[in-house]
Amino acid sequence: MPLIDLSLRDLLTAFSSNDPTPGGGSAAALASAVGASLLMMVAALPKSRSNAEEEKTALQGATATLTGLRQQLTEAIDADTAAYDQVVAAYKQPKTTPQEQEARKAAIQRALRSATDVPLDVMRLSVQALEQAAVVAANGHKAAASDAGVAAALLMAGATGARMNVETNLEGMSDAAYSDAVRAEIKALSASAERAEPLSGRLRSSEHR
């Protein structure tokens, strides 16, 4: 059964089992999916910051964007598990003859690339959602500031966790051009996340001054 169809209790049990999947990649996607959901809740509240029409318009736009991001992050929960299962299967291929060794090596590289692409996409989606967190924090109801804060924290956790998985998988990649391109992208994404998250943080903290 797909992870997203499990009850919360069963999902937590799956994460705590001694099976290699679901692992950190799926957990990162889950964290960001929950973060996006919280932002959607704040954006959908009957009251905005001052109930101005422009605030409600901004929140509606954020909701539309976050709806798509959450769907993709939700799909990534199972996609990450499937990708890592392929890596495990590739390493188990026979390696007795030179031909088997070459086939195994090629299978490992294909599987590692897939296992890198999924968390890389989670990182991209998380950063996009973080950018919407600033919109929600600026226009959302003041009483829900802590919810927006938790959402931003979860999205940062998801982005950070996804980056860890990308970096780990890149260590086994032999395609230097691909690895260099991915490292450059995750560096840029990390910088974007850091710019977006403090912005929403400042907007939240300003309510307590």
C-alpha atoms as a PDB file:
ATOM      1  CA  MET A   1       0.000   0.000   0.000  1.00  0.00           C
ATOM      2  CA  PRO A   2       1.339   3.487  -0.811  1.00  0.00           C
ATOM      3  CA  LEU A   3       2.637   5.382   2.188  1.00  0.00           C
ATOM      4  CA  ILE A   4       0.198   8.229   1.619  1.00  0.00           C
ATOM      5  CA  ASP A   5      -2.720   5.799   2.003  1.00  0.00           C
ATOM      6  CA  LEU A   6      -1.585   4.550   5.418  1.00  0.00           C
ATOM      7  CA  SER A   7      -3.091   5.787   8.653  1.00  0.00           C
ATOM      8  CA  LEU A   8      -0.871   8.201  10.545  1.00  0.00           C
ATOM      9  CA  ARG A   9      -0.138   5.532  13.146  1.00  0.00           C
ATOM     10  CA  ASP A  10       0.865   3.006  10.479  1.00  0.00           C
ATOM     11  CA  LEU A  11       2.951   5.598   8.682  1.00  0.00           C
ATOM     12  CA  LEU A  12       4.917   6.345  11.839  1.00  0.00           C
ATOM     13  CA  THR A  13       5.393   2.626  12.362  1.00  0.00           C
ATOM     14  CA  ALA A  14       6.752   2.332   8.815  1.00  0.00           C
ATOM     15  CA  PHE A  15       9.260   5.107   9.449  1.00  0.00           C
ATOM     16  CA  SER A  16      10.413   3.476  12.694  1.00  0.00           C
ATOM     17  CA  SER A  17      10.877  -0.014  11.232  1.00  0.00           C
ATOM     18  CA  ASN A  18      14.316  -1.452  10.460  1.00  0.00           C
ATOM     19  CA  ASP A  19      13.573  -1.447   6.712  1.00  0.00           C
ATOM     20  CA  PRO A  20      15.691   1.052   4.742  1.00  0.00           C
ATOM     21  CA  THR A  21      12.517   2.584   3.315  1.00  0.00           C
ATOM     22  CA  PRO A  22      10.713   4.788   3.997  1.00  0.00           C
ATOM     23  CA  GLY A  23      13.702   6.864   5.023  1.00  0.00           C
ATOM     24  CA  GLY A  24      14.879  10.427   5.256  1.00  0.00           C
ATOM     25  CA  GLY A  25      13.908  11.366   1.718  1.00  0.00           C
ATOM     26  CA  SER A  26      10.283  10.431   2.235  1.00  0.00           C
ATOM     27  CA  ALA A  27      10.323  12.125   5.628  1.00  0.00           C
ATOM     28  CA  ALA A  28      11.634  15.334   4.051  1.00  0.00           C
ATOM     29  CA  ALA A  29       8.851  15.292   1.463  1.00  0.00           C
ATOM     30  CA  LEU A  30       6.292  14.656   4.194  1.00  0.00           C
ATOM     31  CA  ALA A  31       7.576  17.557   6.296  1.00  0.00           C
ATOM     32  CA  SER A  32       7.269  19.944   3.389  1.00  0.00           C
ATOM     33  CA  ALA A  33       3.834  18.631   2.423  1.00  0.00           C
ATOM     34  CA  VAL A  34       2.609  19.307   5.967  1.00  0.00           C
ATOM     35  CA  GLY A  35       4.222  22.746   5.874  1.00  0.00           C
ATOM     36  CA  ALA A  36       2.437  23.593   2.629  1.00  0.00           C
ATOM     37  CA  SER A  37      -0.836  22.346   4.111  1.00  0.00           C
ATOM     38  CA  LEU A  38      -0.483  24.618   7.132  1.00  0.00           C
ATOM     39  CA  LEU A  39       0.100  27.604   4.882  1.00  0.00           C
ATOM     40  CA  MET A  40      -3.036  26.711   2.948  1.00  0.00           C
ATOM     41  CA  MET A  41      -5.000  26.646   6.188  1.00  0.00           C
ATOM     42  CA  VAL A  42      -3.799  30.117   7.180  1.00  0.00           C
ATOM     43  CA  ALA A  43      -4.529  31.460   3.707  1.00  0.00           C
ATOM     44  CA  ALA A  44      -8.065  30.016   3.783  1.00  0.00           C
ATOM     45  CA  LEU A  45      -9.091  31.586   7.119  1.00  0.00           C
ATOM     46  CA  PRO A  46     -12.125  33.921   6.907  1.00  0.00           C
ATOM     47  CA  LYS A  47     -10.040  36.827   8.195  1.00  0.00           C
ATOM     48  CA  SER A  48      -6.859  38.208   6.678  1.00  0.00           C
ATOM     49  CA  ARG A  49      -4.457  40.658   8.298  1.00  0.00           C
ATOM     50  CA  SER A  50      -6.711  43.715   7.932  1.00  0.00           C
ATOM     51  CA  ASN A  51      -9.451  42.145   5.783  1.00  0.00           C
ATOM     52  CA  ALA A  52      -8.382  44.259   2.815  1.00  0.00           C
ATOM     53  CA  GLU A  53      -9.307  42.929  -0.601  1.00  0.00           C
ATOM     54  CA  GLU A  54      -5.715  42.994  -1.820  1.00  0.00           C
ATOM     55  CA  GLU A  55      -4.727  40.738   1.085  1.00  0.00           C
ATOM     56  CA  LYS A  56      -7.425  38.227   0.213  1.00  0.00           C
ATOM     57  CA  THR A  57      -6.361  38.308  -3.433  1.00  0.00           C
ATOM     58  CA  ALA A  58      -2.739  37.644  -2.433  1.00  0.00           C
ATOM     59  CA  LEU A  59      -3.801  34.761  -0.187  1.00  0.00           C
ATOM     60  CA  GLN A  60      -5.935  33.241  -2.938  1.00  0.00           C
ATOM     61  CA  GLY A  61      -2.949  33.347  -5.259  1.00  0.00           C
ATOM     62  CA  ALA A  62      -0.774  31.694  -2.621  1.00  0.00           C
ATOM     63  CA  THR A  63      -3.379  28.977  -2.124  1.00  0.00           C
ATOM     64  CA  ALA A  64      -3.480  28.204  -5.840  1.00  0.00           C
ATOM     65  CA  THR A  65       0.303  27.864  -5.943  1.00  0.00           C
ATOM     66  CA  LEU A  66       0.521  25.854  -2.720  1.00  0.00           C
ATOM     67  CA  THR A  67      -2.180  23.424  -3.861  1.00  0.00           C
ATOM     68  CA  GLY A  68      -0.009  22.266  -6.740  1.00  0.00           C
ATOM     69  CA  LEU A  69       3.155  22.218  -4.653  1.00  0.00           C
ATOM     70  CA  ARG A  70       1.533  20.115  -1.950  1.00  0.00           C
ATOM     71  CA  GLN A  71       0.285  17.594  -4.506  1.00  0.00           C
ATOM     72  CA  GLN A  72       3.778  17.158  -5.920  1.00  0.00           C
ATOM     73  CA  LEU A  73       5.342  16.917  -2.463  1.00  0.00           C
ATOM     74  CA  THR A  74       2.772  14.298  -1.477  1.00  0.00           C
ATOM     75  CA  GLU A  75       3.607  12.227  -4.545  1.00  0.00           C
ATOM     76  CA  ALA A  76       7.308  12.511  -3.688  1.00  0.00           C
ATOM     77  CA  ILE A  77       6.774  10.694  -0.378  1.00  0.00           C
ATOM     78  CA  ASP A  78       6.248   7.406  -2.218  1.00  0.00           C
ATOM     79  CA  ALA A  79       8.442   8.337  -5.178  1.00  0.00           C
ATOM     80  CA  ASP A  80      11.474   8.662  -2.917  1.00  0.00           C
ATOM     81  CA  THR A  81      10.855   5.244  -1.392  1.00  0.00           C
ATOM     82  CA  ALA A  82      10.447   3.672  -4.839  1.00  0.00           C
ATOM     83  CA  ALA A  83      13.650   5.324  -6.070  1.00  0.00           C
ATOM     84  CA  TYR A  84      15.729   4.084  -3.152  1.00  0.00           C
ATOM     85  CA  ASP A  85      14.267   0.594  -3.487  1.00  0.00           C
ATOM     86  CA  GLN A  86      15.677   0.620  -7.026  1.00  0.00           C
ATOM     87  CA  VAL A  87      19.110   1.504  -5.649  1.00  0.00           C
ATOM     88  CA  VAL A  88      18.964  -1.410  -3.212  1.00  0.00           C
ATOM     89  CA  ALA A  89      17.871  -3.746  -6.007  1.00  0.00           C
ATOM     90  CA  ALA A  90      20.685  -2.545  -8.282  1.00  0.00           C
ATOM     91  CA  TYR A  91      23.335  -3.263  -5.666  1.00  0.00           C
ATOM     92  CA  LYS A  92      21.940  -6.800  -5.308  1.00  0.00           C
ATOM     93  CA  GLN A  93      22.431  -7.646  -8.972  1.00  0.00           C
ATOM     94  CA  PRO A  94      24.933 -10.435  -9.705  1.00  0.00           C
ATOM     95  CA  LYS A  95      28.548  -9.496 -10.323  1.00  0.00           C
ATOM     96  CA  THR A  96      30.250 -12.769 -11.099  1.00  0.00           C
ATOM     97  CA  THR A  97      31.246 -12.134 -14.708  1.00  0.00           C
ATOM     98  CA  PRO A  98      32.618  -8.952 -16.294  1.00  0.00           C
ATOM     99  CA  GLN A  99      29.347  -8.578 -18.196  1.00  0.00           C
ATOM    100  CA  GLU A 100      27.339  -8.839 -14.991  1.00  0.00           C
ATOM    101  CA  GLN A 101      29.636  -6.341 -13.322  1.00  0.00           C
ATOM    102  CA  GLU A 102      29.129  -3.829 -16.118  1.00  0.00           C
ATOM    103  CA  ALA A 103      25.372  -4.335 -16.088  1.00  0.00           C
ATOM    104  CA  ARG A 104      25.286  -3.934 -12.313  1.00  0.00           C
ATOM    105  CA  LYS A 105      27.384  -0.774 -12.451  1.00  0.00           C
ATOM    106  CA  ALA A 106      25.095   0.760 -15.074  1.00  0.00           C
ATOM    107  CA  ALA A 107      21.994  -0.183 -13.075  1.00  0.00           C
ATOM    108  CA  ILE A 108      23.431   1.406  -9.942  1.00  0.00           C
ATOM    109  CA  GLN A 109      24.156   4.648 -11.770  1.00  0.00           C
ATOM    110  CA  ARG A 110      20.641   4.779 -13.238  1.00  0.00           C
ATOM    111  CA  ALA A 111      19.101   4.096  -9.847  1.00  0.00           C
ATOM    112  CA  LEU A 112      21.272   6.662  -8.064  1.00  0.00           C
ATOM    113  CA  ARG A 113      20.292   9.290 -10.591  1.00  0.00           C
ATOM    114  CA  SER A 114      16.603   8.612  -9.980  1.00  0.00           C
ATOM    115  CA  ALA A 115      17.211   8.623  -6.238  1.00  0.00           C
ATOM    116  CA  THR A 116      18.905  12.010  -6.623  1.00  0.00           C
ATOM    117  CA  ASP A 117      16.281  13.558  -8.876  1.00  0.00           C
ATOM    118  CA  VAL A 118      13.420  12.941  -6.432  1.00  0.00           C
ATOM    119  CA  PRO A 119      14.875  14.764  -3.392  1.00  0.00           C
ATOM    120  CA  LEU A 120      16.243  17.453  -5.702  1.00  0.00           C
ATOM    121  CA  ASP A 121      12.692  18.086  -6.829  1.00  0.00           C
ATOM    122  CA  VAL A 122      11.529  18.081  -3.197  1.00  0.00           C
ATOM    123  CA  MET A 123      14.089  20.772  -2.480  1.00  0.00           C
ATOM    124  CA  ARG A 124      12.852  22.857  -5.426  1.00  0.00           C
ATOM    125  CA  LEU A 125       9.233  22.500  -4.332  1.00  0.00           C
ATOM    126  CA  SER A 126      10.059  23.300  -0.712  1.00  0.00           C
ATOM    127  CA  VAL A 127      11.812  26.515  -1.695  1.00  0.00           C
ATOM    128  CA  GLN A 128       8.849  27.541  -3.846  1.00  0.00           C
ATOM    129  CA  ALA A 129       6.528  26.900  -0.906  1.00  0.00           C
ATOM    130  CA  LEU A 130       8.807  28.926   1.376  1.00  0.00           C
ATOM    131  CA  GLU A 131       8.425  31.859  -0.976  1.00  0.00           C
ATOM    132  CA  GLN A 132       4.662  31.555  -0.540  1.00  0.00           C
ATOM    133  CA  ALA A 133       5.137  31.467   3.238  1.00  0.00           C
ATOM    134  CA  ALA A 134       6.263  35.085   3.083  1.00  0.00           C
ATOM    135  CA  VAL A 135       3.075  35.984   1.205  1.00  0.00           C
ATOM    136  CA  VAL A 136       0.893  34.157   3.713  1.00  0.00           C
ATOM    137  CA  ALA A 137       2.723  35.634   6.694  1.00  0.00           C
ATOM    138  CA  ALA A 138       2.381  39.158   5.305  1.00  0.00           C
ATOM    139  CA  ASN A 139      -1.315  38.899   4.502  1.00  0.00           C
ATOM    140  CA  GLY A 140      -2.685  36.202   6.806  1.00  0.00           C
ATOM    141  CA  HIS A 141      -4.629  36.652  10.034  1.00  0.00           C
ATOM    142  CA  LYS A 142      -2.400  37.745  12.910  1.00  0.00           C
ATOM    143  CA  ALA A 143      -3.762  35.068  15.241  1.00  0.00           C
ATOM    144  CA  ALA A 144      -2.374  32.397  12.890  1.00  0.00           C
ATOM    145  CA  ALA A 145       1.176  33.774  12.864  1.00  0.00           C
ATOM    146  CA  SER A 146       2.476  30.773  14.805  1.00  0.00           C
ATOM    147  CA  ASP A 147       0.917  28.405  12.257  1.00  0.00           C
ATOM    148  CA  ALA A 148       2.739  30.198   9.449  1.00  0.00           C
ATOM    149  CA  GLY A 149       5.906  29.970  11.539  1.00  0.00           C
ATOM    150  CA  VAL A 150       5.551  26.220  12.017  1.00  0.00           C
ATOM    151  CA  ALA A 151       4.884  25.851   8.294  1.00  0.00           C
ATOM    152  CA  ALA A 152       8.078  27.724   7.424  1.00  0.00           C
ATOM    153  CA  ALA A 153      10.071  25.616   9.885  1.00  0.00           C
ATOM    154  CA  LEU A 154       8.723  22.402   8.362  1.00  0.00           C
ATOM    155  CA  LEU A 155       9.512  23.590   4.856  1.00  0.00           C
ATOM    156  CA  MET A 156      13.063  24.466   5.894  1.00  0.00           C
ATOM    157  CA  ALA A 157      13.399  21.015   7.452  1.00  0.00           C
ATOM    158  CA  GLY A 158      12.105  19.428   4.255  1.00  0.00           C
ATOM    159  CA  ALA A 159      14.488  21.420   2.074  1.00  0.00           C
ATOM    160  CA  THR A 160      17.436  20.651   4.331  1.00  0.00           C
ATOM    161  CA  GLY A 161      16.612  16.954   4.526  1.00  0.00           C
ATOM    162  CA  ALA A 162      16.190  16.726   0.776  1.00  0.00           C
ATOM    163  CA  ARG A 163      19.585  18.364   0.267  1.00  0.00           C
ATOM    164  CA  MET A 164      21.206  15.802   2.568  1.00  0.00           C
ATOM    165  CA  ASN A 165      19.789  12.984   0.467  1.00  0.00           C
ATOM    166  CA  VAL A 166      20.915  14.601  -2.768  1.00  0.00           C
ATOM    167  CA  GLU A 167      24.450  15.054  -1.475  1.00  0.00           C
ATOM    168  CA  THR A 168      24.622  11.481  -0.209  1.00  0.00           C
ATOM    169  CA  ASN A 169      23.533  10.035  -3.550  1.00  0.00           C
ATOM    170  CA  LEU A 170      25.919  12.237  -5.509  1.00  0.00           C
ATOM    171  CA  GLU A 171      28.845  10.591  -3.709  1.00  0.00           C
ATOM    172  CA  GLY A 172      28.190   7.413  -5.688  1.00  0.00           C
ATOM    173  CA  MET A 173      27.618   9.080  -9.063  1.00  0.00           C
ATOM    174  CA  SER A 174      30.216   8.732 -11.819  1.00  0.00           C
ATOM    175  CA  ASP A 175      28.705  11.392 -14.105  1.00  0.00           C
ATOM    176  CA  ALA A 176      30.779  14.411 -13.118  1.00  0.00           C
ATOM    177  CA  ALA A 177      28.860  16.876 -15.295  1.00  0.00           C
ATOM    178  CA  TYR A 178      25.542  15.848 -13.758  1.00  0.00           C
ATOM    179  CA  SER A 179      26.972  15.952 -10.233  1.00  0.00           C
ATOM    180  CA  ASP A 180      28.490  19.397 -10.726  1.00  0.00           C
ATOM    181  CA  ALA A 181      25.226  20.770 -12.118  1.00  0.00           C
ATOM    182  CA  VAL A 182      23.219  19.365  -9.228  1.00  0.00           C
ATOM    183  CA  ARG A 183      25.673  20.701  -6.629  1.00  0.00           C
ATOM    184  CA  ALA A 184      25.438  24.150  -8.188  1.00  0.00           C
ATOM    185  CA  GLU A 185      21.644  23.990  -8.128  1.00  0.00           C
ATOM    186  CA  ILE A 186      21.325  22.864  -4.513  1.00  0.00           C
ATOM    187  CA  LYS A 187      23.700  25.642  -3.485  1.00  0.00           C
ATOM    188  CA  ALA A 188      21.472  28.178  -5.237  1.00  0.00           C
ATOM    189  CA  LEU A 189      18.323  26.605  -3.781  1.00  0.00           C
ATOM    190  CA  SER A 190      19.766  26.723  -0.268  1.00  0.00           C
ATOM    191  CA  ALA A 191      20.504  30.421  -0.700  1.00  0.00           C
ATOM    192  CA  SER A 192      16.944  31.012  -1.918  1.00  0.00           C
ATOM    193  CA  ALA A 193      15.531  29.113   1.057  1.00  0.00           C
ATOM    194  CA  GLU A 194      17.580  31.154   3.499  1.00  0.00           C
ATOM    195  CA  ARG A 195      16.390  34.380   1.881  1.00  0.00           C
ATOM    196  CA  ALA A 196      12.740  33.320   1.966  1.00  0.00           C
ATOM    197  CA  GLU A 197      12.569  31.826   5.470  1.00  0.00           C
ATOM    198  CA  PRO A 198      14.047  34.796   7.380  1.00  0.00           C
ATOM    199  CA  LEU A 199      11.611  37.065   5.520  1.00  0.00           C
ATOM    200  CA  SER A 200       8.604  35.149   6.818  1.00  0.00           C
ATOM    201  CA  GLY A 201      10.319  34.979  10.199  1.00  0.00           C
ATOM    202  CA  ARG A 202      10.687  38.753  10.362  1.00  0.00           C
ATOM    203  CA  LEU A 203       7.055  39.178   9.423  1.00  0.00           C
ATOM    204  CA  ARG A 204       6.013  36.831  12.229  1.00  0.00           C
ATOM    205  CA  SER A 205       8.276  38.348  14.868  1.00  0.00           C
ATOM    206  CA  SER A 206       7.093  41.873  14.067  1.00  0.00           C
ATOM    207  CA  GLU A 207       3.737  40.994  15.584  1.00  0.00           C
ATOM    208  CA  HIS A 208       5.340  40.732  19.018  1.00  0.00           C
ATOM    209  CA  ARG A 209       7.122  44.074  19.064  1.00  0.00           C
END
